[in-house]
C-alpha atoms as a PDB file:
ATOM      1  CA  MET A   1     -20.270  -7.479  -5.376  1.00  0.00           C
ATOM      2  CA  PHE A   2     -17.320  -8.609  -3.302  1.00  0.00           C
ATOM      3  CA  ILE A   3     -15.100  -5.448  -1.507  1.00  0.00           C
ATOM      4  CA  ARG A   4     -11.588  -6.329  -1.896  1.00  0.00           C
ATOM      5  CA  ALA A   5      -9.246  -4.735   0.624  1.00  0.00           C
ATOM      6  CA  TYR A   6      -5.648  -3.807  -0.766  1.00  0.00           C
ATOM      7  CA  LEU A   7      -3.338  -2.935   1.752  1.00  0.00           C
ATOM      8  CA  ARG A   8       0.311  -1.847   0.658  1.00  0.00           C
ATOM      9  CA  ALA A   9       3.271  -1.041   2.476  1.00  0.00           C
ATOM     10  CA  SER A  10       6.699  -0.111   0.590  1.00  0.00           C
ATOM     11  CA  THR A  11       9.095  -2.016   3.116  1.00  0.00           C
ATOM     12  CA  GLU A  12       8.712  -4.921   5.384  1.00  0.00           C
ATOM     13  CA  GLU A  13       9.921  -2.782   7.996  1.00  0.00           C
ATOM     14  CA  GLN A  14       6.583  -0.445   7.417  1.00  0.00           C
ATOM     15  CA  ASP A  15       3.106  -1.721   8.953  1.00  0.00           C
ATOM     16  CA  ALA A  16       1.077  -3.024   5.668  1.00  0.00           C
ATOM     17  CA  THR A  17      -1.632  -3.295   7.887  1.00  0.00           C
ATOM     18  CA  ARG A  18      -2.094   0.106   9.117  1.00  0.00           C
ATOM     19  CA  ALA A  19      -4.739   1.259   7.182  1.00  0.00           C
ATOM     20  CA  GLN A  20      -7.095  -1.273   8.183  1.00  0.00           C
ATOM     21  CA  ALA A  21      -9.177   0.640  11.112  1.00  0.00           C
ATOM     22  CA  GLU A  22      -9.779   3.399   8.005  1.00  0.00           C
ATOM     23  CA  LEU A  23     -10.954   0.911   5.531  1.00  0.00           C
ATOM     24  CA  LEU A  24     -13.526  -0.828   8.525  1.00  0.00           C
ATOM     25  CA  ASN A  25     -14.699   2.399   9.895  1.00  0.00           C
ATOM     26  CA  PHE A  26     -15.043   3.351   6.068  1.00  0.00           C
ATOM     27  CA  THR A  27     -17.123   0.188   4.699  1.00  0.00           C
ATOM     28  CA  GLN A  28     -19.276   0.330   7.997  1.00  0.00           C
ATOM     29  CA  SER A  29     -20.325   3.755   7.153  1.00  0.00           C
ATOM     30  CA  LYS A  30     -21.572   2.878   4.105  1.00  0.00           C
ATOM     31  CA  ASP A  31     -23.216  -0.567   5.656  1.00  0.00           C
ATOM     32  CA  VAL A  32     -21.175  -2.769   3.633  1.00  0.00           C
ATOM     33  CA  LYS A  33     -18.706  -5.588   4.254  1.00  0.00           C
ATOM     34  CA  ILE A  34     -15.043  -6.319   3.625  1.00  0.00           C
ATOM     35  CA  ALA A  35     -15.320  -9.609   1.698  1.00  0.00           C
ATOM     36  CA  SER A  36     -11.085 -10.288   1.726  1.00  0.00           C
ATOM     37  CA  GLN A  37      -8.060  -8.383   2.491  1.00  0.00           C
ATOM     38  CA  TYR A  38      -4.924  -8.076   0.351  1.00  0.00           C
ATOM     39  CA  ILE A  39      -1.619  -7.404   2.309  1.00  0.00           C
ATOM     40  CA  GLU A  40       1.890  -6.966   1.112  1.00  0.00           C
ATOM     41  CA  SER A  41       4.964  -5.304   1.530  1.00  0.00           C
ATOM     42  CA  LYS A  42       5.862  -4.184  -1.829  1.00  0.00           C
ATOM     43  CA  SER A  43       6.993  -0.694  -3.359  1.00  0.00           C
ATOM     44  CA  GLY A  44       3.949   1.006  -5.213  1.00  0.00           C
ATOM     45  CA  ALA A  45       6.671   2.081  -7.803  1.00  0.00           C
ATOM     46  CA  LYS A  46       7.120  -1.624  -9.112  1.00  0.00           C
ATOM     47  CA  MET A  47       4.927  -3.722 -10.929  1.00  0.00           C
ATOM     48  CA  ASP A  48       5.773  -6.793  -9.557  1.00  0.00           C
ATOM     49  CA  ARG A  49       3.307  -7.089  -6.420  1.00  0.00           C
ATOM     50  CA  PRO A  50       1.718 -10.909  -6.308  1.00  0.00           C
ATOM     51  CA  GLU A  51      -0.937  -9.906  -3.576  1.00  0.00           C
ATOM     52  CA  LEU A  52      -2.620  -7.032  -6.029  1.00  0.00           C
ATOM     53  CA  ALA A  53      -2.116  -9.814  -8.797  1.00  0.00           C
ATOM     54  CA  ARG A  54      -4.179 -12.001  -6.784  1.00  0.00           C
ATOM     55  CA  LEU A  55      -6.879  -9.619  -6.079  1.00  0.00           C
ATOM     56  CA  ILE A  56      -7.221  -9.024  -9.712  1.00  0.00           C
ATOM     57  CA  ALA A  57      -7.295 -12.991 -10.584  1.00  0.00           C
ATOM     58  CA  ASP A  58      -9.948 -13.506  -7.772  1.00  0.00           C
ATOM     59  CA  SER A  59     -11.855 -10.619  -8.898  1.00  0.00           C
ATOM     60  CA  HIS A  60     -15.278 -11.028 -11.117  1.00  0.00           C
ATOM     61  CA  PRO A  61     -16.939  -8.042 -12.946  1.00  0.00           C
ATOM     62  CA  GLY A  62     -18.287  -5.153 -10.590  1.00  0.00           C
ATOM     63  CA  ASP A  63     -16.156  -6.096  -7.779  1.00  0.00           C
ATOM     64  CA  ILE A  64     -14.617  -3.430  -6.150  1.00  0.00           C
ATOM     65  CA  LEU A  65     -11.124  -3.032  -4.939  1.00  0.00           C
ATOM     66  CA  LEU A  66     -10.869  -0.781  -1.892  1.00  0.00           C
ATOM     67  CA  ILE A  67      -7.993   1.186  -0.616  1.00  0.00           C
ATOM     68  CA  GLU A  68      -7.182   4.211   1.593  1.00  0.00           C
ATOM     69  CA  LYS A  69      -5.336   6.367  -0.977  1.00  0.00           C
ATOM     70  CA  VAL A  70      -4.213   6.001  -4.438  1.00  0.00           C
ATOM     71  CA  ASP A  71      -0.748   6.168  -4.020  1.00  0.00           C
ATOM     72  CA  ARG A  72      -1.591   2.289  -1.931  1.00  0.00           C
ATOM     73  CA  LEU A  73      -2.494   1.250  -5.093  1.00  0.00           C
ATOM     74  CA  SER A  74       0.119   3.132  -7.277  1.00  0.00           C
ATOM     75  CA  ARG A  75       3.134   5.131  -7.536  1.00  0.00           C
ATOM     76  CA  LEU A  76       4.376   3.401 -11.070  1.00  0.00           C
ATOM     77  CA  PRO A  77       5.881   5.390 -13.774  1.00  0.00           C
ATOM     78  CA  TYR A  78       3.346   6.291 -16.843  1.00  0.00           C
ATOM     79  CA  GLU A  79       3.241   3.685 -18.943  1.00  0.00           C
ATOM     80  CA  GLN A  80       3.168   1.026 -16.080  1.00  0.00           C
ATOM     81  CA  TRP A  81       0.043   2.676 -14.808  1.00  0.00           C
ATOM     82  CA  LYS A  82      -1.521   2.571 -17.949  1.00  0.00           C
ATOM     83  CA  LYS A  83      -0.731  -1.114 -18.086  1.00  0.00           C
ATOM     84  CA  LEU A  84      -1.748  -1.539 -14.495  1.00  0.00           C
ATOM     85  CA  LYS A  85      -5.290   0.334 -14.785  1.00  0.00           C
ATOM     86  CA  THR A  86      -6.052  -1.764 -18.449  1.00  0.00           C
ATOM     87  CA  GLN A  87      -5.886  -5.010 -16.527  1.00  0.00           C
ATOM     88  CA  LEU A  88      -8.290  -3.852 -14.030  1.00  0.00           C
ATOM     89  CA  ILE A  89     -10.422  -2.232 -16.437  1.00  0.00           C
ATOM     90  CA  ASP A  90     -10.087  -5.778 -18.870  1.00  0.00           C
ATOM     91  CA  ALA A  91     -11.213  -7.260 -15.304  1.00  0.00           C
ATOM     92  CA  LYS A  92     -14.378  -5.087 -15.092  1.00  0.00           C
ATOM     93  CA  ILE A  93     -13.079  -3.938 -11.551  1.00  0.00           C
ATOM     94  CA  HIS A  94     -14.198  -0.680  -9.732  1.00  0.00           C
ATOM     95  CA  ILE A  95     -11.477   1.467  -7.558  1.00  0.00           C
ATOM     96  CA  VAL A  96     -12.861   2.997  -4.503  1.00  0.00           C
ATOM     97  CA  VAL A  97     -10.503   5.440  -2.740  1.00  0.00           C
ATOM     98  CA  VAL A  98     -11.297   6.191   0.827  1.00  0.00           C
ATOM     99  CA  ASP A  99      -9.936   9.675   0.583  1.00  0.00           C
ATOM    100  CA  GLN A 100     -11.925  10.255  -2.959  1.00  0.00           C
ATOM    101  CA  LEU A 101     -15.292  11.086  -2.733  1.00  0.00           C
ATOM    102  CA  MET A 102     -15.737  10.879  -6.150  1.00  0.00           C
ATOM    103  CA  THR A 103     -15.270   6.964  -6.002  1.00  0.00           C
ATOM    104  CA  HIS A 104     -17.888   6.335  -4.007  1.00  0.00           C
ATOM    105  CA  GLY A 105     -20.480   6.386  -6.307  1.00  0.00           C
ATOM    106  CA  ILE A 106     -20.365   2.738  -6.768  1.00  0.00           C
ATOM    107  CA  ILE A 107     -21.100   1.878  -3.052  1.00  0.00           C
ATOM    108  CA  ASN A 108     -23.575   4.740  -2.153  1.00  0.00           C
ATOM    109  CA  GLY A 109     -25.322   3.462  -5.501  1.00  0.00           C
ATOM    110  CA  SER A 110     -25.503   6.691  -6.965  1.00  0.00           C
ATOM    111  CA  GLU A 111     -25.062   7.396 -10.369  1.00  0.00           C
ATOM    112  CA  GLU A 112     -23.075   4.047 -11.068  1.00  0.00           C
ATOM    113  CA  ASN A 113     -23.979   4.176 -14.377  1.00  0.00           C
ATOM    114  CA  SER A 114     -23.459   8.317 -15.024  1.00  0.00           C
ATOM    115  CA  MET A 115     -20.962   7.910 -18.193  1.00  0.00           C
ATOM    116  CA  ILE A 116     -19.987  11.807 -16.361  1.00  0.00           C
ATOM    117  CA  ALA A 117     -19.577  10.250 -13.135  1.00  0.00           C
ATOM    118  CA  LYS A 118     -17.362   7.318 -14.516  1.00  0.00           C
ATOM    119  CA  VAL A 119     -15.463   9.853 -16.961  1.00  0.00           C
ATOM    120  CA  LEU A 120     -14.249  12.529 -14.224  1.00  0.00           C
ATOM    121  CA  THR A 121     -13.617   9.546 -11.418  1.00  0.00           C
ATOM    122  CA  GLU A 122     -11.044   8.039 -14.071  1.00  0.00           C
ATOM    123  CA  PHE A 123      -9.421  11.243 -14.585  1.00  0.00           C
ATOM    124  CA  MET A 124      -9.227  11.669 -11.005  1.00  0.00           C
ATOM    125  CA  ILE A 125      -7.776   8.396 -10.549  1.00  0.00           C
ATOM    126  CA  ASP A 126      -5.227   9.071 -13.333  1.00  0.00           C
ATOM    127  CA  LEU A 127      -3.893  12.570 -11.881  1.00  0.00           C
ATOM    128  CA  ALA A 128      -3.757  11.156  -8.223  1.00  0.00           C
ATOM    129  CA  ALA A 129      -1.316   8.256  -9.714  1.00  0.00           C
ATOM    130  CA  ALA A 130       0.569  11.043 -11.708  1.00  0.00           C
ATOM    131  CA  MET A 131       1.147  12.814  -8.413  1.00  0.00           C
ATOM    132  CA  ALA A 132       2.306   9.876  -6.316  1.00  0.00           C
ATOM    133  CA  ARG A 133       4.353   9.156  -8.629  1.00  0.00           C
ATOM    134  CA  ASP A 134       6.123  12.557  -9.028  1.00  0.00           C
ATOM    135  CA  ASP A 135       5.932  12.538  -5.005  1.00  0.00           C
ATOM    136  CA  TYR A 136       8.012   9.700  -5.266  1.00  0.00           C
ATOM    137  CA  GLU A 137      10.291  10.881  -7.521  1.00  0.00           C
ATOM    138  CA  THR A 138      10.863  13.862  -5.522  1.00  0.00           C
ATOM    139  CA  ARG A 139      11.333  11.927  -2.429  1.00  0.00           C
ATOM    140  CA  ARG A 140      13.818  10.073  -3.931  1.00  0.00           C
ATOM    141  CA  LYS A 141      15.679  12.842  -5.369  1.00  0.00           C
ATOM    142  CA  ARG A 142      15.583  14.923  -2.438  1.00  0.00           C
ATOM    143  CA  GLN A 143      17.281  11.860  -0.597  1.00  0.00           C
ATOM    144  CA  ALA A 144      20.113  11.179  -2.881  1.00  0.00           C
ATOM    145  CA  GLN A 145      20.461  15.162  -2.804  1.00  0.00           C
ATOM    146  CA  GLY A 146      20.809  15.191   1.113  1.00  0.00           C
ATOM    147  CA  ILE A 147      23.078  11.621   1.315  1.00  0.00           C
ATOM    148  CA  LEU A 148      25.401  13.380  -1.438  1.00  0.00           C
ATOM    149  CA  LYS A 149      25.863  16.682   0.696  1.00  0.00           C
ATOM    150  CA  ALA A 150      26.201  14.694   4.245  1.00  0.00           C
ATOM    151  CA  GLN A 151      28.949  12.294   1.981  1.00  0.00           C
ATOM    152  CA  GLU A 152      30.494  15.816   0.632  1.00  0.00           C
ATOM    153  CA  LEU A 153      31.094  16.848   4.332  1.00  0.00           C
ATOM    154  CA  GLY A 154      31.863  13.353   5.322  1.00  0.00           C
ATOM    155  CA  LYS A 155      28.761  12.846   7.603  1.00  0.00           C
ATOM    156  CA  TYR A 156      27.199  10.117   5.598  1.00  0.00           C
ATOM    157  CA  GLN A 157      26.944   6.929   8.001  1.00  0.00           C
ATOM    158  CA  GLY A 158      24.319   5.085   6.215  1.00  0.00           C
ATOM    159  CA  ARG A 159      21.125   3.921   7.394  1.00  0.00           C
ATOM    160  CA  GLN A 160      21.763   3.076  11.225  1.00  0.00           C
ATOM    161  CA  PRO A 161      20.016  -0.066  12.724  1.00  0.00           C
ATOM    162  CA  ASP A 162      17.817   0.348  15.648  1.00  0.00           C
ATOM    163  CA  LEU A 163      19.811  -1.474  18.352  1.00  0.00           C
ATOM    164  CA  GLU A 164      17.300  -1.025  21.088  1.00  0.00           C
ATOM    165  CA  LEU A 165      14.869  -3.177  18.715  1.00  0.00           C
ATOM    166  CA  ARG A 166      17.079  -5.465  18.283  1.00  0.00           C
ATOM    167  CA  GLU A 167      18.065  -6.089  21.675  1.00  0.00           C
ATOM    168  CA  ASN A 168      14.664  -6.310  22.249  1.00  0.00           C
ATOM    169  CA  ILE A 169      14.167  -8.848  20.311  1.00  0.00           C
ATOM    170  CA  LYS A 170      16.921 -10.903  21.058  1.00  0.00           C
ATOM    171  CA  LEU A 171      15.558 -10.943  24.937  1.00  0.00           C
ATOM    172  CA  LEU A 172      12.020 -12.292  23.442  1.00  0.00           C
ATOM    173  CA  ILE A 173      13.989 -15.178  21.610  1.00  0.00           C
ATOM    174  CA  ASN A 174      16.148 -15.696  24.841  1.00  0.00           C
ATOM    175  CA  GLU A 175      12.591 -16.043  26.348  1.00  0.00           C
ATOM    176  CA  ASP A 176      11.620 -19.136  23.844  1.00  0.00           C
ATOM    177  CA  LYS A 177       8.808 -16.613  22.207  1.00  0.00           C
ATOM    178  CA  SER A 178       8.349 -17.390  18.750  1.00  0.00           C
ATOM    179  CA  TRP A 179       9.093 -15.174  15.488  1.00  0.00           C
ATOM    180  CA  SER A 180       5.265 -14.506  15.671  1.00  0.00           C
ATOM    181  CA  GLN A 181       5.006 -13.632  19.195  1.00  0.00           C
ATOM    182  CA  VAL A 182       7.717 -11.041  18.435  1.00  0.00           C
ATOM    183  CA  GLN A 183       6.157  -9.180  15.242  1.00  0.00           C
ATOM    184  CA  ASN A 184       2.726  -8.673  17.086  1.00  0.00           C
ATOM    185  CA  LEU A 185       4.654  -7.426  20.253  1.00  0.00           C
ATOM    186  CA  TRP A 186       7.063  -5.067  18.363  1.00  0.00           C
ATOM    187  CA  LYS A 187       5.291  -4.767  14.671  1.00  0.00           C
ATOM    188  CA  CYS A 188       8.257  -5.638  13.033  1.00  0.00           C
ATOM    189  CA  SER A 189       9.133  -7.615  10.280  1.00  0.00           C
ATOM    190  CA  ARG A 190      10.545 -11.201   9.876  1.00  0.00           C
ATOM    191  CA  SER A 191      13.692 -10.087   8.098  1.00  0.00           C
ATOM    192  CA  THR A 192      14.263  -7.936  11.482  1.00  0.00           C
ATOM    193  CA  ILE A 193      14.438 -10.469  13.656  1.00  0.00           C
ATOM    194  CA  ALA A 194      16.161 -12.633  11.348  1.00  0.00           C
ATOM    195  CA  LYS A 195      18.905  -9.701  11.678  1.00  0.00           C
ATOM    196  CA  ALA A 196      18.634  -9.590  15.525  1.00  0.00           C
ATOM    197  CA  VAL A 197      19.135 -13.050  16.286  1.00  0.00           C
ATOM    198  CA  LYS A 198      22.014 -13.308  13.552  1.00  0.00           C
ATOM    199  CA  GLY A 199      23.529 -10.133  14.980  1.00  0.00           C
END
């Protein structure tokens, strides 16, 4: 049984590795180790996630997919969530969610074969996935309403770039720092660096 950690952020500007420490603390508290990590910056509302697909392909029956919260795995519409869940079930991958105690049984070694525990865990994950999707849609709707209202008032200017960050990036690039060094120092994406260099 290998534990495969999946870390996801919605955009390159966000830090996909943010939950690493929490996942590590969790596995240490259970006296187990993470065998590999799969990290990507892709929306949880999209099926096209290469690192998640690689995790599923790399997994053996009985392996564990470890995530911080269910929304790291899915903000998908119900039909697409069913498709992803079927892939996980067909691969015989167990899902363990750090903030969902009910999913910890497979790691704890307790109730691993209990049909009730498995049914409850599946129900809980389905419910959490539905709630994650609902939260995603609600935030998108509120964002659209806010933009519309700002446009009506003539106050909408769109998303503004972080000019201070871009200046700091330019300074480091001019000092012959590598893009990787800049990323590590400022916790920014390569696309942000490209925009700073270009602008």
